[in-house]
Amino acid sequence: MKLRLMSATAMGLLAASGFVGMAEAQGVTGDECRDGVDDMGNVIDSALECGDDAEATAISATALGDRAMATAQSATAVGFLAEAKAFGGTALGDRAKVLEGADDSVAIGREAVVAAGTDRSIAI
């Protein structure tokens, strides 16, 4: 298994907020991780998916958790149905969302949402 490192900030948030344990509780293990692929089946550089139906569909995107989705470059989604759709966006928590155009924003907690177009924002 290849280990991949997320940014120190994202890992710190995961550990501090307890989301690492949440991913483990969903049954996400290193053995269930895979490279992200595009619509043609080509591997995307540094994209990582872990969990049932997790999708990392952009360069350096990371999706951890069942049905987590990271669709923008350098986006990170952690948790059941978490969505990170903006460049550098981080969604931590079940159903947390960083919507399109909310670049470099963070949504922390269950159902936290950063609205589309609100760059460098935090939703808790």
N, C-alpha and C. Protein backbone atom coordinates (compact mmCIF):
# COMPACT_ATOMS: atom_id res chain seq x y z
N MET A 1 0.84 -1.18 0.00
CA MET A 1 0.00 0.00 0.00
C MET A 1 0.88 1.24 0.00
N LYS A 2 0.58 2.18 -0.85
CA LYS A 2 1.31 3.44 -0.87
C LYS A 2 0.67 4.39 0.13
N LEU A 3 1.51 5.02 0.89
CA LEU A 3 0.99 6.02 1.82
C LEU A 3 1.04 7.37 1.15
N ARG A 4 0.04 8.14 1.34
CA ARG A 4 0.01 9.50 0.79
C ARG A 4 -0.26 10.45 1.93
N LEU A 5 0.40 11.56 1.88
CA LEU A 5 0.26 12.53 2.96
C LEU A 5 -0.61 13.69 2.51
N MET A 6 -1.55 14.05 3.35
CA MET A 6 -2.35 15.25 3.12
C MET A 6 -1.60 16.40 3.76
N SER A 7 -2.05 17.59 3.55
CA SER A 7 -1.36 18.74 4.16
C SER A 7 -1.38 18.62 5.68
N ALA A 8 -0.38 19.19 6.31
CA ALA A 8 -0.29 19.14 7.76
C ALA A 8 -1.52 19.77 8.40
N THR A 9 -2.04 20.81 7.80
CA THR A 9 -3.23 21.47 8.35
C THR A 9 -4.44 20.53 8.33
N ALA A 10 -4.67 19.89 7.21
CA ALA A 10 -5.81 18.98 7.11
C ALA A 10 -5.67 17.81 8.08
N MET A 11 -4.48 17.26 8.18
CA MET A 11 -4.28 16.15 9.11
C MET A 11 -4.47 16.62 10.55
N GLY A 12 -4.01 17.83 10.88
CA GLY A 12 -4.21 18.36 12.22
C GLY A 12 -5.69 18.52 12.54
N LEU A 13 -6.45 19.02 11.58
CA LEU A 13 -7.90 19.16 11.78
C LEU A 13 -8.56 17.81 11.96
N LEU A 14 -8.15 16.83 11.19
CA LEU A 14 -8.72 15.49 11.31
C LEU A 14 -8.46 14.91 12.70
N ALA A 15 -7.24 15.02 13.15
CA ALA A 15 -6.91 14.45 14.45
C ALA A 15 -7.58 15.21 15.58
N ALA A 16 -7.55 16.54 15.51
CA ALA A 16 -8.11 17.36 16.59
C ALA A 16 -9.62 17.22 16.70
N SER A 17 -10.29 17.05 15.59
CA SER A 17 -11.75 17.00 15.61
C SER A 17 -12.31 15.58 15.72
N GLY A 18 -11.45 14.59 15.70
CA GLY A 18 -11.91 13.22 15.85
C GLY A 18 -12.41 12.58 14.57
N PHE A 19 -12.24 13.22 13.42
CA PHE A 19 -12.75 12.65 12.17
C PHE A 19 -11.94 11.44 11.71
N VAL A 20 -10.72 11.29 12.18
CA VAL A 20 -9.95 10.10 11.82
C VAL A 20 -10.67 8.87 12.36
N GLY A 21 -11.12 8.93 13.59
CA GLY A 21 -11.87 7.82 14.16
C GLY A 21 -13.17 7.57 13.42
N MET A 22 -13.82 8.63 12.94
CA MET A 22 -15.07 8.49 12.21
C MET A 22 -14.85 7.70 10.92
N ALA A 23 -13.76 7.98 10.21
CA ALA A 23 -13.48 7.24 8.98
C ALA A 23 -13.25 5.77 9.29
N GLU A 24 -12.55 5.50 10.37
CA GLU A 24 -12.33 4.11 10.76
C GLU A 24 -13.66 3.44 11.13
N ALA A 25 -14.55 4.17 11.78
CA ALA A 25 -15.85 3.61 12.18
C ALA A 25 -16.69 3.24 10.96
N GLN A 26 -16.49 3.94 9.84
CA GLN A 26 -17.22 3.62 8.62
C GLN A 26 -16.60 2.42 7.90
N GLY A 27 -15.54 1.87 8.47
CA GLY A 27 -14.90 0.72 7.85
C GLY A 27 -13.91 1.09 6.77
N VAL A 28 -13.48 2.35 6.71
CA VAL A 28 -12.52 2.77 5.71
C VAL A 28 -11.13 2.41 6.20
N THR A 29 -10.45 1.55 5.47
CA THR A 29 -9.09 1.17 5.81
C THR A 29 -8.19 1.41 4.61
N GLY A 30 -6.90 1.33 4.84
CA GLY A 30 -5.95 1.52 3.75
C GLY A 30 -6.15 0.54 2.62
N ASP A 31 -6.66 -0.65 2.92
CA ASP A 31 -6.88 -1.65 1.88
C ASP A 31 -8.03 -1.26 0.94
N GLU A 32 -8.89 -0.35 1.36
CA GLU A 32 -10.01 0.06 0.52
C GLU A 32 -9.71 1.33 -0.26
N CYS A 33 -8.50 1.82 -0.15
CA CYS A 33 -8.12 3.05 -0.86
C CYS A 33 -7.65 2.72 -2.27
N ARG A 34 -7.85 3.67 -3.15
CA ARG A 34 -7.48 3.49 -4.55
C ARG A 34 -7.19 4.84 -5.17
N ASP A 35 -6.54 4.80 -6.33
CA ASP A 35 -6.27 6.04 -7.07
C ASP A 35 -7.58 6.57 -7.65
N GLY A 36 -7.71 7.89 -7.71
CA GLY A 36 -8.85 8.49 -8.40
C GLY A 36 -8.66 8.35 -9.90
N VAL A 37 -9.76 8.18 -10.61
CA VAL A 37 -9.71 8.05 -12.07
C VAL A 37 -10.71 9.00 -12.72
N ASP A 38 -10.40 9.40 -13.96
CA ASP A 38 -11.32 10.27 -14.68
C ASP A 38 -12.39 9.44 -15.39
N ASP A 39 -13.24 10.10 -16.17
CA ASP A 39 -14.34 9.41 -16.86
C ASP A 39 -13.87 8.34 -17.84
N MET A 40 -12.63 8.48 -18.32
CA MET A 40 -12.08 7.53 -19.28
C MET A 40 -11.33 6.39 -18.60
N GLY A 41 -11.27 6.40 -17.26
CA GLY A 41 -10.57 5.36 -16.54
C GLY A 41 -9.09 5.61 -16.33
N ASN A 42 -8.62 6.81 -16.70
CA ASN A 42 -7.21 7.16 -16.51
C ASN A 42 -6.97 7.62 -15.08
N VAL A 43 -5.84 7.18 -14.52
CA VAL A 43 -5.49 7.57 -13.15
C VAL A 43 -5.18 9.07 -13.10
N ILE A 44 -5.71 9.74 -12.09
CA ILE A 44 -5.49 11.18 -11.89
C ILE A 44 -4.33 11.35 -10.92
N ASP A 45 -3.40 12.24 -11.24
CA ASP A 45 -2.23 12.47 -10.40
C ASP A 45 -2.61 12.79 -8.96
N SER A 46 -2.07 12.01 -8.04
CA SER A 46 -2.20 12.25 -6.60
C SER A 46 -3.63 12.27 -6.08
N ALA A 47 -4.58 11.71 -6.80
CA ALA A 47 -5.96 11.63 -6.31
C ALA A 47 -6.13 10.33 -5.52
N LEU A 48 -6.81 10.43 -4.38
CA LEU A 48 -6.99 9.27 -3.51
C LEU A 48 -8.44 9.15 -3.09
N GLU A 49 -8.99 7.94 -3.20
CA GLU A 49 -10.36 7.64 -2.80
C GLU A 49 -10.33 6.51 -1.79
N CYS A 50 -11.05 6.67 -0.68
CA CYS A 50 -11.15 5.61 0.32
C CYS A 50 -12.59 5.54 0.79
N GLY A 51 -13.22 4.39 0.65
CA GLY A 51 -14.61 4.22 1.07
C GLY A 51 -15.49 3.84 -0.09
N ASP A 52 -16.67 3.30 0.23
CA ASP A 52 -17.61 2.90 -0.81
C ASP A 52 -18.09 4.11 -1.59
N ASP A 53 -17.95 4.05 -2.91
CA ASP A 53 -18.40 5.10 -3.83
C ASP A 53 -17.74 6.45 -3.58
N ALA A 54 -16.59 6.48 -2.91
CA ALA A 54 -15.85 7.74 -2.76
C ALA A 54 -15.31 8.15 -4.13
N GLU A 55 -15.29 9.47 -4.41
CA GLU A 55 -14.82 9.97 -5.70
C GLU A 55 -13.85 11.12 -5.52
N ALA A 56 -12.65 10.95 -6.05
CA ALA A 56 -11.66 12.03 -6.11
C ALA A 56 -11.36 12.21 -7.59
N THR A 57 -11.92 13.26 -8.20
CA THR A 57 -11.89 13.38 -9.65
C THR A 57 -11.08 14.57 -10.16
N ALA A 58 -10.10 15.02 -9.37
CA ALA A 58 -9.24 16.12 -9.80
C ALA A 58 -7.83 15.89 -9.25
N ILE A 59 -6.87 16.58 -9.81
CA ILE A 59 -5.48 16.45 -9.37
C ILE A 59 -5.36 16.80 -7.89
N SER A 60 -4.70 15.93 -7.14
CA SER A 60 -4.44 16.10 -5.71
C SER A 60 -5.71 16.13 -4.85
N ALA A 61 -6.81 15.61 -5.35
CA ALA A 61 -8.05 15.55 -4.57
C ALA A 61 -8.04 14.31 -3.68
N THR A 62 -8.68 14.42 -2.51
CA THR A 62 -8.75 13.31 -1.57
C THR A 62 -10.18 13.17 -1.07
N ALA A 63 -10.75 11.98 -1.20
CA ALA A 63 -12.09 11.68 -0.70
C ALA A 63 -12.01 10.48 0.24
N LEU A 64 -12.32 10.71 1.52
CA LEU A 64 -12.25 9.66 2.53
C LEU A 64 -13.62 9.50 3.18
N GLY A 65 -14.23 8.35 3.02
CA GLY A 65 -15.54 8.10 3.60
C GLY A 65 -16.52 7.65 2.55
N ASP A 66 -17.52 6.92 2.96
CA ASP A 66 -18.51 6.41 2.02
C ASP A 66 -19.22 7.57 1.33
N ARG A 67 -19.19 7.53 -0.01
CA ARG A 67 -19.82 8.52 -0.88
C ARG A 67 -19.26 9.93 -0.71
N ALA A 68 -18.04 10.04 -0.16
CA ALA A 68 -17.36 11.35 -0.10
C ALA A 68 -16.97 11.73 -1.52
N MET A 69 -16.94 13.05 -1.81
CA MET A 69 -16.67 13.52 -3.15
C MET A 69 -15.77 14.75 -3.12
N ALA A 70 -14.61 14.65 -3.79
CA ALA A 70 -13.70 15.78 -3.95
C ALA A 70 -13.51 15.98 -5.44
N THR A 71 -14.07 17.06 -5.99
CA THR A 71 -14.12 17.23 -7.44
C THR A 71 -13.28 18.39 -7.96
N ALA A 72 -12.54 19.07 -7.10
CA ALA A 72 -11.71 20.18 -7.54
C ALA A 72 -10.26 19.92 -7.14
N GLN A 73 -9.35 20.58 -7.84
CA GLN A 73 -7.93 20.39 -7.55
C GLN A 73 -7.62 20.73 -6.10
N SER A 74 -6.87 19.85 -5.45
CA SER A 74 -6.42 20.01 -4.06
C SER A 74 -7.57 20.04 -3.06
N ALA A 75 -8.72 19.53 -3.41
CA ALA A 75 -9.87 19.48 -2.51
C ALA A 75 -9.80 18.22 -1.65
N THR A 76 -10.35 18.33 -0.42
CA THR A 76 -10.37 17.20 0.51
C THR A 76 -11.76 17.08 1.12
N ALA A 77 -12.35 15.89 1.01
CA ALA A 77 -13.65 15.61 1.61
C ALA A 77 -13.51 14.41 2.53
N VAL A 78 -13.89 14.58 3.81
CA VAL A 78 -13.77 13.50 4.79
C VAL A 78 -15.09 13.34 5.51
N GLY A 79 -15.71 12.16 5.38
CA GLY A 79 -16.97 11.88 6.05
C GLY A 79 -18.02 11.40 5.07
N PHE A 80 -19.05 10.78 5.60
CA PHE A 80 -20.15 10.27 4.80
C PHE A 80 -20.83 11.41 4.04
N LEU A 81 -20.89 11.31 2.72
CA LEU A 81 -21.51 12.31 1.85
C LEU A 81 -20.86 13.69 1.93
N ALA A 82 -19.63 13.78 2.41
CA ALA A 82 -18.92 15.06 2.41
C ALA A 82 -18.60 15.44 0.97
N GLU A 83 -18.64 16.75 0.66
CA GLU A 83 -18.39 17.22 -0.70
C GLU A 83 -17.46 18.43 -0.67
N ALA A 84 -16.36 18.34 -1.42
CA ALA A 84 -15.45 19.47 -1.59
C ALA A 84 -15.37 19.73 -3.09
N LYS A 85 -16.01 20.82 -3.54
CA LYS A 85 -16.13 21.11 -4.97
C LYS A 85 -15.40 22.37 -5.39
N ALA A 86 -14.55 22.92 -4.53
CA ALA A 86 -13.83 24.15 -4.85
C ALA A 86 -12.33 23.93 -4.69
N PHE A 87 -11.53 24.66 -5.45
CA PHE A 87 -10.08 24.55 -5.38
C PHE A 87 -9.60 24.75 -3.94
N GLY A 88 -8.87 23.77 -3.43
CA GLY A 88 -8.33 23.86 -2.08
C GLY A 88 -9.37 23.77 -0.98
N GLY A 89 -10.60 23.40 -1.31
CA GLY A 89 -11.66 23.30 -0.32
C GLY A 89 -11.52 22.05 0.54
N THR A 90 -11.90 22.17 1.82
CA THR A 90 -11.84 21.05 2.75
C THR A 90 -13.17 20.91 3.46
N ALA A 91 -13.81 19.75 3.31
CA ALA A 91 -15.08 19.45 3.98
C ALA A 91 -14.83 18.31 4.96
N LEU A 92 -15.02 18.59 6.26
CA LEU A 92 -14.77 17.60 7.31
C LEU A 92 -16.05 17.35 8.09
N GLY A 93 -16.65 16.19 7.92
CA GLY A 93 -17.86 15.84 8.66
C GLY A 93 -18.93 15.29 7.74
N ASP A 94 -19.82 14.51 8.31
CA ASP A 94 -20.91 13.94 7.53
C ASP A 94 -21.74 15.05 6.90
N ARG A 95 -21.90 14.97 5.59
CA ARG A 95 -22.67 15.92 4.78
C ARG A 95 -22.11 17.35 4.81
N ALA A 96 -20.87 17.53 5.22
CA ALA A 96 -20.23 18.85 5.14
C ALA A 96 -19.98 19.15 3.67
N LYS A 97 -20.09 20.44 3.28
CA LYS A 97 -19.95 20.80 1.87
C LYS A 97 -19.21 22.12 1.71
N VAL A 98 -18.29 22.11 0.73
CA VAL A 98 -17.68 23.33 0.23
C VAL A 98 -18.08 23.37 -1.24
N LEU A 99 -18.94 24.31 -1.60
CA LEU A 99 -19.53 24.34 -2.94
C LEU A 99 -18.64 25.04 -3.95
N GLU A 100 -19.00 24.94 -5.23
CA GLU A 100 -18.22 25.48 -6.33
C GLU A 100 -17.88 26.96 -6.11
N GLY A 101 -16.65 27.32 -6.44
CA GLY A 101 -16.24 28.71 -6.37
C GLY A 101 -15.90 29.21 -4.97
N ALA A 102 -15.97 28.35 -3.97
CA ALA A 102 -15.61 28.73 -2.59
C ALA A 102 -14.17 28.30 -2.33
N ASP A 103 -13.25 28.82 -3.15
CA ASP A 103 -11.85 28.40 -3.10
C ASP A 103 -11.23 28.63 -1.73
N ASP A 104 -10.37 27.66 -1.34
CA ASP A 104 -9.62 27.72 -0.08
C ASP A 104 -10.52 27.88 1.15
N SER A 105 -11.70 27.29 1.12
CA SER A 105 -12.64 27.36 2.24
C SER A 105 -12.70 26.03 2.98
N VAL A 106 -13.21 26.09 4.22
CA VAL A 106 -13.29 24.90 5.07
C VAL A 106 -14.68 24.81 5.69
N ALA A 107 -15.28 23.62 5.61
CA ALA A 107 -16.55 23.33 6.30
C ALA A 107 -16.24 22.25 7.33
N ILE A 108 -16.49 22.55 8.60
CA ILE A 108 -16.16 21.62 9.68
C ILE A 108 -17.43 21.28 10.45
N GLY A 109 -17.74 20.00 10.53
CA GLY A 109 -18.88 19.54 11.31
C GLY A 109 -20.00 19.03 10.45
N ARG A 110 -20.88 18.30 11.09
CA ARG A 110 -22.00 17.69 10.38
C ARG A 110 -22.88 18.75 9.73
N GLU A 111 -23.08 18.60 8.42
CA GLU A 111 -23.94 19.46 7.60
C GLU A 111 -23.48 20.91 7.52
N ALA A 112 -22.22 21.19 7.87
CA ALA A 112 -21.67 22.54 7.68
C ALA A 112 -21.53 22.79 6.18
N VAL A 113 -21.88 24.00 5.73
CA VAL A 113 -21.84 24.31 4.30
C VAL A 113 -21.22 25.69 4.07
N VAL A 114 -20.25 25.72 3.15
CA VAL A 114 -19.71 26.99 2.66
C VAL A 114 -20.39 27.23 1.33
N ALA A 115 -21.08 28.36 1.21
CA ALA A 115 -21.86 28.67 0.01
C ALA A 115 -20.95 28.89 -1.20
N ALA A 116 -21.50 28.66 -2.37
CA ALA A 116 -20.77 28.84 -3.63
C ALA A 116 -20.28 30.29 -3.74
N GLY A 117 -19.05 30.43 -4.22
CA GLY A 117 -18.50 31.76 -4.49
C GLY A 117 -17.97 32.51 -3.29
N THR A 118 -17.90 31.89 -2.12
CA THR A 118 -17.41 32.57 -0.92
C THR A 118 -16.00 32.10 -0.59
N ASP A 119 -15.00 32.66 -1.29
CA ASP A 119 -13.61 32.27 -1.10
C ASP A 119 -13.13 32.50 0.33
N ARG A 120 -12.20 31.63 0.75
CA ARG A 120 -11.51 31.74 2.03
C ARG A 120 -12.49 31.91 3.22
N SER A 121 -13.47 31.05 3.25
CA SER A 121 -14.48 31.09 4.31
C SER A 121 -14.42 29.84 5.17
N ILE A 122 -14.99 29.95 6.38
CA ILE A 122 -15.09 28.80 7.28
C ILE A 122 -16.53 28.67 7.73
N ALA A 123 -17.06 27.45 7.66
CA ALA A 123 -18.39 27.17 8.17
C ALA A 123 -18.25 26.08 9.22
N ILE A 124 -18.87 26.32 10.37
CA ILE A 124 -18.81 25.35 11.47
C ILE A 124 -20.23 24.99 11.89
